[in-house]
Amino acid sequence: MAHDSRPGVPRWVKISLIAVGALIALLVVLMATGALGGVHGPGRHLSAAAVLA
């Protein structure tokens, strides 16, 4: 008997996993390009006068 008696993963689970994966990939790309999160580093916490001096 080659038939597997266990049901497969439901379609909504597959679609949900793909959607979550795509959102995580999008967030990673946005953070890597600097489009999300702004400037990072120690200068971020200094006042504008200290940065310009």
PDB file of N, CA and C in Angstrom:
ATOM      1  N   MET A   1       0.846  -1.186   0.000  1.00  0.00           N
ATOM      2  CA  MET A   1       0.000   0.000   0.000  1.00  0.00           C
ATOM      3  C   MET A   1       0.892   1.250   0.000  1.00  0.00           C
ATOM      4  N   ALA A   2       0.827   1.992  -1.055  1.00  0.00           N
ATOM      5  CA  ALA A   2       1.656   3.177  -1.207  1.00  0.00           C
ATOM      6  C   ALA A   2       0.925   4.438  -0.752  1.00  0.00           C
ATOM      7  N   HIS A   3      -0.338   4.289  -0.390  1.00  0.00           N
ATOM      8  CA  HIS A   3      -1.122   5.465   0.000  1.00  0.00           C
ATOM      9  C   HIS A   3      -0.817   5.863   1.441  1.00  0.00           C
ATOM     10  N   ASP A   4      -0.552   7.169   1.636  1.00  0.00           N
ATOM     11  CA  ASP A   4      -0.274   7.686   2.980  1.00  0.00           C
ATOM     12  C   ASP A   4      -1.606   8.046   3.632  1.00  0.00           C
ATOM     13  N   SER A   5      -1.869   7.529   4.820  1.00  0.00           N
ATOM     14  CA  SER A   5      -3.154   7.761   5.475  1.00  0.00           C
ATOM     15  C   SER A   5      -3.221   9.110   6.190  1.00  0.00           C
ATOM     16  N   ARG A   6      -2.058   9.777   6.359  1.00  0.00           N
ATOM     17  CA  ARG A   6      -2.064  11.083   7.025  1.00  0.00           C
ATOM     18  C   ARG A   6      -2.448  12.172   6.034  1.00  0.00           C
ATOM     19  N   PRO A   7      -3.305  13.092   6.461  1.00  0.00           N
ATOM     20  CA  PRO A   7      -3.653  14.197   5.560  1.00  0.00           C
ATOM     21  C   PRO A   7      -2.476  15.167   5.439  1.00  0.00           C
ATOM     22  N   GLY A   8      -2.422  15.882   4.342  1.00  0.00           N
ATOM     23  CA  GLY A   8      -1.356  16.864   4.142  1.00  0.00           C
ATOM     24  C   GLY A   8      -1.609  18.133   4.926  1.00  0.00           C
ATOM     25  N   VAL A   9      -0.699  19.070   4.780  1.00  0.00           N
ATOM     26  CA  VAL A   9      -0.832  20.358   5.451  1.00  0.00           C
ATOM     27  C   VAL A   9      -1.937  21.146   4.744  1.00  0.00           C
ATOM     28  N   PRO A  10      -2.853  21.738   5.511  1.00  0.00           N
ATOM     29  CA  PRO A  10      -3.932  22.514   4.886  1.00  0.00           C
ATOM     30  C   PRO A  10      -3.391  23.692   4.070  1.00  0.00           C
ATOM     31  N   ARG A  11      -4.125  24.058   3.045  1.00  0.00           N
ATOM     32  CA  ARG A  11      -3.706  25.138   2.155  1.00  0.00           C
ATOM     33  C   ARG A  11      -3.546  26.455   2.906  1.00  0.00           C
ATOM     34  N   TRP A  12      -4.433  26.750   3.871  1.00  0.00           N
ATOM     35  CA  TRP A  12      -4.357  28.026   4.578  1.00  0.00           C
ATOM     36  C   TRP A  12      -3.075  28.117   5.405  1.00  0.00           C
ATOM     37  N   VAL A  13      -2.569  26.984   5.879  1.00  0.00           N
ATOM     38  CA  VAL A  13      -1.322  26.984   6.647  1.00  0.00           C
ATOM     39  C   VAL A  13      -0.158  27.303   5.715  1.00  0.00           C
ATOM     40  N   LYS A  14      -0.130  26.685   4.534  1.00  0.00           N
ATOM     41  CA  LYS A  14       0.927  26.950   3.564  1.00  0.00           C
ATOM     42  C   LYS A  14       0.929  28.419   3.148  1.00  0.00           C
ATOM     43  N   ILE A  15      -0.257  28.949   2.857  1.00  0.00           N
ATOM     44  CA  ILE A  15      -0.365  30.350   2.434  1.00  0.00           C
ATOM     45  C   ILE A  15       0.055  31.283   3.561  1.00  0.00           C
ATOM     46  N   SER A  16      -0.336  30.963   4.792  1.00  0.00           N
ATOM     47  CA  SER A  16       0.060  31.796   5.931  1.00  0.00           C
ATOM     48  C   SER A  16       1.567  31.796   6.129  1.00  0.00           C
ATOM     49  N   LEU A  17       2.195  30.648   6.016  1.00  0.00           N
ATOM     50  CA  LEU A  17       3.650  30.555   6.172  1.00  0.00           C
ATOM     51  C   LEU A  17       4.373  31.332   5.071  1.00  0.00           C
ATOM     52  N   ILE A  18       3.873  31.239   3.851  1.00  0.00           N
ATOM     53  CA  ILE A  18       4.481  31.986   2.747  1.00  0.00           C
ATOM     54  C   ILE A  18       4.330  33.482   2.974  1.00  0.00           C
ATOM     55  N   ALA A  19       3.156  33.923   3.435  1.00  0.00           N
ATOM     56  CA  ALA A  19       2.924  35.349   3.674  1.00  0.00           C
ATOM     57  C   ALA A  19       3.816  35.865   4.804  1.00  0.00           C
ATOM     58  N   VAL A  20       3.935  35.116   5.879  1.00  0.00           N
ATOM     59  CA  VAL A  20       4.788  35.531   7.002  1.00  0.00           C
ATOM     60  C   VAL A  20       6.252  35.579   6.557  1.00  0.00           C
ATOM     61  N   GLY A  21       6.681  34.590   5.794  1.00  0.00           N
ATOM     62  CA  GLY A  21       8.047  34.583   5.281  1.00  0.00           C
ATOM     63  C   GLY A  21       8.325  35.777   4.382  1.00  0.00           C
ATOM     64  N   ALA A  22       7.361  36.125   3.530  1.00  0.00           N
ATOM     65  CA  ALA A  22       7.534  37.277   2.644  1.00  0.00           C
ATOM     66  C   ALA A  22       7.604  38.575   3.443  1.00  0.00           C
ATOM     67  N   LEU A  23       6.793  38.712   4.481  1.00  0.00           N
ATOM     68  CA  LEU A  23       6.833  39.921   5.313  1.00  0.00           C
ATOM     69  C   LEU A  23       8.155  40.034   6.062  1.00  0.00           C
ATOM     70  N   ILE A  24       8.659  38.929   6.568  1.00  0.00           N
ATOM     71  CA  ILE A  24       9.951  38.954   7.262  1.00  0.00           C
ATOM     72  C   ILE A  24      11.058  39.333   6.285  1.00  0.00           C
ATOM     73  N   ALA A  25      11.023  38.765   5.080  1.00  0.00           N
ATOM     74  CA  ALA A  25      12.037  39.100   4.073  1.00  0.00           C
ATOM     75  C   ALA A  25      11.956  40.579   3.710  1.00  0.00           C
ATOM     76  N   LEU A  26      10.746  41.116   3.583  1.00  0.00           N
ATOM     77  CA  LEU A  26      10.578  42.531   3.265  1.00  0.00           C
ATOM     78  C   LEU A  26      11.130  43.413   4.377  1.00  0.00           C
ATOM     79  N   LEU A  27      10.861  43.066   5.621  1.00  0.00           N
ATOM     80  CA  LEU A  27      11.384  43.840   6.746  1.00  0.00           C
ATOM     81  C   LEU A  27      12.909  43.807   6.794  1.00  0.00           C
ATOM     82  N   VAL A  28      13.490  42.656   6.515  1.00  0.00           N
ATOM     83  CA  VAL A  28      14.952  42.534   6.502  1.00  0.00           C
ATOM     84  C   VAL A  28      15.541  43.420   5.417  1.00  0.00           C
ATOM     85  N   VAL A  29      14.937  43.411   4.235  1.00  0.00           N
ATOM     86  CA  VAL A  29      15.434  44.246   3.140  1.00  0.00           C
ATOM     87  C   VAL A  29      15.290  45.721   3.488  1.00  0.00           C
ATOM     88  N   LEU A  30      14.157  46.110   4.046  1.00  0.00           N
ATOM     89  CA  LEU A  30      13.954  47.518   4.405  1.00  0.00           C
ATOM     90  C   LEU A  30      14.935  47.968   5.480  1.00  0.00           C
ATOM     91  N   MET A  31      15.202  47.117   6.449  1.00  0.00           N
ATOM     92  CA  MET A  31      16.150  47.471   7.499  1.00  0.00           C
ATOM     93  C   MET A  31      17.575  47.525   6.949  1.00  0.00           C
ATOM     94  N   ALA A  32      17.916  46.628   6.028  1.00  0.00           N
ATOM     95  CA  ALA A  32      19.263  46.591   5.461  1.00  0.00           C
ATOM     96  C   ALA A  32      19.531  47.806   4.580  1.00  0.00           C
ATOM     97  N   THR A  33      18.505  48.314   3.907  1.00  0.00           N
ATOM     98  CA  THR A  33      18.679  49.462   3.029  1.00  0.00           C
ATOM     99  C   THR A  33      18.564  50.780   3.775  1.00  0.00           C
ATOM    100  N   GLY A  34      18.153  50.755   5.026  1.00  0.00           N
ATOM    101  CA  GLY A  34      18.026  51.977   5.801  1.00  0.00           C
ATOM    102  C   GLY A  34      16.689  52.676   5.629  1.00  0.00           C
ATOM    103  N   ALA A  35      15.775  52.077   4.876  1.00  0.00           N
ATOM    104  CA  ALA A  35      14.467  52.678   4.665  1.00  0.00           C
ATOM    105  C   ALA A  35      13.588  52.553   5.912  1.00  0.00           C
ATOM    106  N   LEU A  36      13.955  51.659   6.806  1.00  0.00           N
ATOM    107  CA  LEU A  36      13.187  51.439   8.021  1.00  0.00           C
ATOM    108  C   LEU A  36      14.142  51.476   9.202  1.00  0.00           C
ATOM    109  N   GLY A  37      13.881  52.328  10.157  1.00  0.00           N
ATOM    110  CA  GLY A  37      14.718  52.357  11.346  1.00  0.00           C
ATOM    111  C   GLY A  37      15.608  53.581  11.447  1.00  0.00           C
ATOM    112  N   GLY A  38      15.880  54.245  10.340  1.00  0.00           N
ATOM    113  CA  GLY A  38      16.690  55.458  10.381  1.00  0.00           C
ATOM    114  C   GLY A  38      18.164  55.183  10.623  1.00  0.00           C
ATOM    115  N   VAL A  39      18.857  56.206  11.061  1.00  0.00           N
ATOM    116  CA  VAL A  39      20.296  56.135  11.285  1.00  0.00           C
ATOM    117  C   VAL A  39      20.570  55.426  12.608  1.00  0.00           C
ATOM    118  N   HIS A  40      21.554  54.548  12.602  1.00  0.00           N
ATOM    119  CA  HIS A  40      21.936  53.843  13.819  1.00  0.00           C
ATOM    120  C   HIS A  40      23.361  54.207  14.180  1.00  0.00           C
ATOM    121  N   GLY A  41      23.688  54.009  15.428  1.00  0.00           N
ATOM    122  CA  GLY A  41      25.037  54.276  15.894  1.00  0.00           C
ATOM    123  C   GLY A  41      25.031  55.221  17.067  1.00  0.00           C
ATOM    124  N   PRO A  42      26.214  55.503  17.621  1.00  0.00           N
ATOM    125  CA  PRO A  42      26.275  56.326  18.818  1.00  0.00           C
ATOM    126  C   PRO A  42      25.851  57.771  18.569  1.00  0.00           C
ATOM    127  N   GLY A  43      25.999  58.272  17.364  1.00  0.00           N
ATOM    128  CA  GLY A  43      25.601  59.644  17.063  1.00  0.00           C
ATOM    129  C   GLY A  43      24.105  59.856  17.098  1.00  0.00           C
ATOM    130  N   ARG A  44      23.355  58.805  17.059  1.00  0.00           N
ATOM    131  CA  ARG A  44      21.895  58.890  17.087  1.00  0.00           C
ATOM    132  C   ARG A  44      21.397  59.473  18.406  1.00  0.00           C
ATOM    133  N   HIS A  45      22.139  59.262  19.471  1.00  0.00           N
ATOM    134  CA  HIS A  45      21.687  59.669  20.790  1.00  0.00           C
ATOM    135  C   HIS A  45      22.277  61.009  21.236  1.00  0.00           C
ATOM    136  N   LEU A  46      23.078  61.618  20.398  1.00  0.00           N
ATOM    137  CA  LEU A  46      23.655  62.908  20.740  1.00  0.00           C
ATOM    138  C   LEU A  46      22.741  64.033  20.268  1.00  0.00           C
ATOM    139  N   SER A  47      22.900  65.193  20.870  1.00  0.00           N
ATOM    140  CA  SER A  47      22.110  66.329  20.425  1.00  0.00           C
ATOM    141  C   SER A  47      22.645  66.813  19.082  1.00  0.00           C
ATOM    142  N   ALA A  48      21.866  67.607  18.367  1.00  0.00           N
ATOM    143  CA  ALA A  48      22.275  68.121  17.060  1.00  0.00           C
ATOM    144  C   ALA A  48      23.511  69.011  17.193  1.00  0.00           C
ATOM    145  N   ALA A  49      23.626  69.764  18.275  1.00  0.00           N
ATOM    146  CA  ALA A  49      24.781  70.643  18.470  1.00  0.00           C
ATOM    147  C   ALA A  49      26.063  69.825  18.638  1.00  0.00           C
ATOM    148  N   ALA A  50      25.985  68.709  19.320  1.00  0.00           N
ATOM    149  CA  ALA A  50      27.166  67.875  19.534  1.00  0.00           C
ATOM    150  C   ALA A  50      27.593  67.192  18.233  1.00  0.00           C
ATOM    151  N   VAL A  51      26.630  66.864  17.375  1.00  0.00           N
ATOM    152  CA  VAL A  51      26.943  66.197  16.120  1.00  0.00           C
ATOM    153  C   VAL A  51      27.589  67.181  15.152  1.00  0.00           C
ATOM    154  N   LEU A  52      27.114  68.420  15.135  1.00  0.00           N
ATOM    155  CA  LEU A  52      27.622  69.422  14.208  1.00  0.00           C
ATOM    156  C   LEU A  52      28.963  69.994  14.645  1.00  0.00           C
ATOM    157  N   ALA A  53      29.304  69.890  15.909  1.00  0.00           N
ATOM    158  CA  ALA A  53      30.539  70.482  16.422  1.00  0.00           C
ATOM    159  C   ALA A  53      31.766  69.715  16.037  1.00  0.00           C
TER     160      ALA A  53
END
